[in-house]
C-alpha atoms as a PDB file:
ATOM      1  CA  UNK A   1      15.348   1.222   3.016  1.00  0.00           C
ATOM      2  CA  UNK A   2      16.546  -2.459   3.370  1.00  0.00           C
ATOM      3  CA  UNK A   3      16.477  -4.269   0.208  1.00  0.00           C
ATOM      4  CA  UNK A   4      15.201  -7.545   1.625  1.00  0.00           C
ATOM      5  CA  UNK A   5      11.695  -6.144   2.217  1.00  0.00           C
ATOM      6  CA  UNK A   6       8.536  -6.493   0.044  1.00  0.00           C
ATOM      7  CA  UNK A   7       6.075  -3.953  -1.223  1.00  0.00           C
ATOM      8  CA  UNK A   8       2.623  -4.538  -2.537  1.00  0.00           C
ATOM      9  CA  UNK A   9       0.859  -1.817  -4.593  1.00  0.00           C
ATOM     10  CA  UNK A  10      -2.917  -1.864  -5.123  1.00  0.00           C
ATOM     11  CA  UNK A  11      -4.469   0.611  -7.521  1.00  0.00           C
ATOM     12  CA  UNK A  12      -6.846   0.165 -10.373  1.00  0.00           C
ATOM     13  CA  UNK A  13      -4.833   2.407 -12.699  1.00  0.00           C
ATOM     14  CA  UNK A  14      -2.175   0.248 -14.223  1.00  0.00           C
ATOM     15  CA  UNK A  15      -0.113   3.312 -15.099  1.00  0.00           C
ATOM     16  CA  UNK A  16       0.121   4.146 -11.454  1.00  0.00           C
ATOM     17  CA  UNK A  17       1.103   0.668 -10.511  1.00  0.00           C
ATOM     18  CA  UNK A  18       3.803   0.621 -13.214  1.00  0.00           C
ATOM     19  CA  UNK A  19       5.132   4.027 -12.194  1.00  0.00           C
ATOM     20  CA  UNK A  20       5.328   3.013  -8.556  1.00  0.00           C
ATOM     21  CA  UNK A  21       6.826  -0.385  -9.313  1.00  0.00           C
ATOM     22  CA  UNK A  22       9.611   1.240 -11.306  1.00  0.00           C
ATOM     23  CA  UNK A  23      10.140   3.834  -8.613  1.00  0.00           C
ATOM     24  CA  UNK A  24      10.641   1.496  -5.872  1.00  0.00           C
ATOM     25  CA  UNK A  25      12.119  -1.713  -7.466  1.00  0.00           C
ATOM     26  CA  UNK A  26      15.676  -1.033  -6.431  1.00  0.00           C
ATOM     27  CA  UNK A  27      14.631  -0.321  -2.833  1.00  0.00           C
ATOM     28  CA  UNK A  28      12.801  -3.681  -2.247  1.00  0.00           C
ATOM     29  CA  UNK A  29      13.613  -7.233  -2.885  1.00  0.00           C
ATOM     30  CA  UNK A  30      10.102  -7.879  -4.100  1.00  0.00           C
ATOM     31  CA  UNK A  31       7.545  -5.334  -5.707  1.00  0.00           C
ATOM     32  CA  UNK A  32       4.207  -6.646  -6.830  1.00  0.00           C
ATOM     33  CA  UNK A  33       0.957  -4.935  -7.745  1.00  0.00           C
ATOM     34  CA  UNK A  34      -2.754  -5.779  -8.101  1.00  0.00           C
ATOM     35  CA  UNK A  35      -5.646  -3.832  -9.635  1.00  0.00           C
ATOM     36  CA  UNK A  36      -8.360  -5.375  -7.554  1.00  0.00           C
ATOM     37  CA  UNK A  37      -8.682  -5.988  -3.842  1.00  0.00           C
ATOM     38  CA  UNK A  38      -9.514  -9.668  -4.058  1.00  0.00           C
ATOM     39  CA  UNK A  39      -6.378 -10.157  -6.223  1.00  0.00           C
ATOM     40  CA  UNK A  40      -4.250  -8.121  -3.741  1.00  0.00           C
ATOM     41  CA  UNK A  41      -5.355 -10.305  -0.854  1.00  0.00           C
ATOM     42  CA  UNK A  42      -4.234 -13.435  -2.790  1.00  0.00           C
ATOM     43  CA  UNK A  43      -0.883 -11.868  -3.494  1.00  0.00           C
ATOM     44  CA  UNK A  44      -0.697 -10.675   0.191  1.00  0.00           C
ATOM     45  CA  UNK A  45      -1.184 -14.126   1.488  1.00  0.00           C
ATOM     46  CA  UNK A  46       1.577 -15.416  -0.565  1.00  0.00           C
ATOM     47  CA  UNK A  47       4.003 -12.538  -0.345  1.00  0.00           C
ATOM     48  CA  UNK A  48       3.159 -11.283   3.137  1.00  0.00           C
ATOM     49  CA  UNK A  49       4.425  -7.819   2.280  1.00  0.00           C
ATOM     50  CA  UNK A  50       6.210  -5.517   4.630  1.00  0.00           C
ATOM     51  CA  UNK A  51       4.563  -2.327   3.088  1.00  0.00           C
ATOM     52  CA  UNK A  52       1.253  -2.012   1.344  1.00  0.00           C
ATOM     53  CA  UNK A  53       0.364   1.154  -0.827  1.00  0.00           C
ATOM     54  CA  UNK A  54      -3.471   0.876  -0.970  1.00  0.00           C
ATOM     55  CA  UNK A  55      -5.777   2.995  -3.022  1.00  0.00           C
ATOM     56  CA  UNK A  56      -9.105   3.525  -1.575  1.00  0.00           C
ATOM     57  CA  UNK A  57     -11.429   3.483  -4.511  1.00  0.00           C
ATOM     58  CA  UNK A  58     -11.196   0.237  -6.462  1.00  0.00           C
ATOM     59  CA  UNK A  59     -13.635  -1.522  -8.720  1.00  0.00           C
ATOM     60  CA  UNK A  60     -14.361  -4.321  -6.226  1.00  0.00           C
ATOM     61  CA  UNK A  61     -14.604  -2.256  -3.085  1.00  0.00           C
ATOM     62  CA  UNK A  62     -13.083   0.307  -0.758  1.00  0.00           C
ATOM     63  CA  UNK A  63      -9.500  -0.099   0.493  1.00  0.00           C
ATOM     64  CA  UNK A  64     -10.648   1.339   3.928  1.00  0.00           C
ATOM     65  CA  UNK A  65     -12.861  -1.860   4.272  1.00  0.00           C
ATOM     66  CA  UNK A  66      -9.943  -4.286   3.532  1.00  0.00           C
ATOM     67  CA  UNK A  67      -7.227  -2.734   5.804  1.00  0.00           C
ATOM     68  CA  UNK A  68      -8.109  -5.130   8.562  1.00  0.00           C
ATOM     69  CA  UNK A  69      -8.018  -8.153   6.281  1.00  0.00           C
ATOM     70  CA  UNK A  70      -4.497  -7.071   4.995  1.00  0.00           C
ATOM     71  CA  UNK A  71      -3.277  -6.582   8.600  1.00  0.00           C
ATOM     72  CA  UNK A  72      -4.641 -10.064   9.474  1.00  0.00           C
ATOM     73  CA  UNK A  73      -2.261 -11.593   6.941  1.00  0.00           C
ATOM     74  CA  UNK A  74       0.624  -9.767   8.360  1.00  0.00           C
ATOM     75  CA  UNK A  75       0.050  -7.658  11.565  1.00  0.00           C
ATOM     76  CA  UNK A  76       3.355  -5.872  11.126  1.00  0.00           C
ATOM     77  CA  UNK A  77       2.491  -4.815   7.603  1.00  0.00           C
ATOM     78  CA  UNK A  78       2.751  -1.039   7.207  1.00  0.00           C
ATOM     79  CA  UNK A  79      -0.388   0.149   5.404  1.00  0.00           C
ATOM     80  CA  UNK A  80      -0.354   3.391   3.544  1.00  0.00           C
ATOM     81  CA  UNK A  81      -3.908   4.267   2.337  1.00  0.00           C
ATOM     82  CA  UNK A  82      -4.327   6.953  -0.361  1.00  0.00           C
ATOM     83  CA  UNK A  83      -7.193   8.631  -2.014  1.00  0.00           C
ATOM     84  CA  UNK A  84      -8.177  11.869  -3.770  1.00  0.00           C
ATOM     85  CA  UNK A  85     -10.801  12.291  -1.011  1.00  0.00           C
ATOM     86  CA  UNK A  86      -9.667  13.440   2.459  1.00  0.00           C
ATOM     87  CA  UNK A  87     -10.009  10.207   4.463  1.00  0.00           C
ATOM     88  CA  UNK A  88      -7.237  10.753   6.988  1.00  0.00           C
ATOM     89  CA  UNK A  89      -9.386  10.137  10.060  1.00  0.00           C
ATOM     90  CA  UNK A  90     -11.225   7.207   8.424  1.00  0.00           C
ATOM     91  CA  UNK A  91      -8.002   5.600   7.293  1.00  0.00           C
ATOM     92  CA  UNK A  92      -6.479   5.698  10.869  1.00  0.00           C
ATOM     93  CA  UNK A  93      -9.795   4.258  12.355  1.00  0.00           C
ATOM     94  CA  UNK A  94      -9.729   1.519   9.799  1.00  0.00           C
ATOM     95  CA  UNK A  95      -6.204   0.531  10.881  1.00  0.00           C
ATOM     96  CA  UNK A  96      -3.960   2.181   8.142  1.00  0.00           C
ATOM     97  CA  UNK A  97      -0.682   3.402   9.504  1.00  0.00           C
ATOM     98  CA  UNK A  98      -0.882   6.607   7.422  1.00  0.00           C
ATOM     99  CA  UNK A  99      -2.994   8.321   4.826  1.00  0.00           C
ATOM    100  CA  UNK A 100      -1.850  10.250   1.766  1.00  0.00           C
ATOM    101  CA  UNK A 101      -3.858  12.357  -0.465  1.00  0.00           C
ATOM    102  CA  UNK A 102      -3.620  12.464  -4.263  1.00  0.00           C
ATOM    103  CA  UNK A 103      -1.947  13.409  -6.288  1.00  0.00           C
ATOM    104  CA  UNK A 104       0.876  11.063  -4.959  1.00  0.00           C
ATOM    105  CA  UNK A 105       4.340  12.532  -4.375  1.00  0.00           C
ATOM    106  CA  UNK A 106       7.138   9.869  -4.751  1.00  0.00           C
ATOM    107  CA  UNK A 107       9.301  11.795  -2.224  1.00  0.00           C
ATOM    108  CA  UNK A 108       6.456  11.852   0.373  1.00  0.00           C
ATOM    109  CA  UNK A 109       5.854   8.080  -0.108  1.00  0.00           C
ATOM    110  CA  UNK A 110       9.451   7.295   0.202  1.00  0.00           C
ATOM    111  CA  UNK A 111       9.650   9.400   3.468  1.00  0.00           C
ATOM    112  CA  UNK A 112       6.628   7.609   5.030  1.00  0.00           C
ATOM    113  CA  UNK A 113       7.966   4.192   4.048  1.00  0.00           C
ATOM    114  CA  UNK A 114      11.254   5.010   5.773  1.00  0.00           C
ATOM    115  CA  UNK A 115       9.272   6.155   8.856  1.00  0.00           C
ATOM    116  CA  UNK A 116       7.319   2.763   8.811  1.00  0.00           C
ATOM    117  CA  UNK A 117      10.552   0.841   8.610  1.00  0.00           C
ATOM    118  CA  UNK A 118      12.028   2.510  11.688  1.00  0.00           C
ATOM    119  CA  UNK A 119       8.986   1.523  13.841  1.00  0.00           C
END
């Protein structure tokens, strides 16, 4: 992965955000996280991330309902939506580039990010 790119992680579990930030900080110039969708939108407007890791179930809404808002900030943003529920079809219809089920696997995340960068 190119190290000039940026990553935004959105999950209400701070431990998940911390784990993902630490796992990918060497591969991205900037890695930021948010625990709420509204907070994430503000960060996205400033950062214009290349890749968004977006949990579906958040305290202030469903990630599915915010994919379009994130894409309007940066149409080239590669959106990876994840959830414990099987929402593959719904995620793609909502505009996500890919859906991942929980529990998350760092190797799989890395693989789909590389796939997104090659598009």
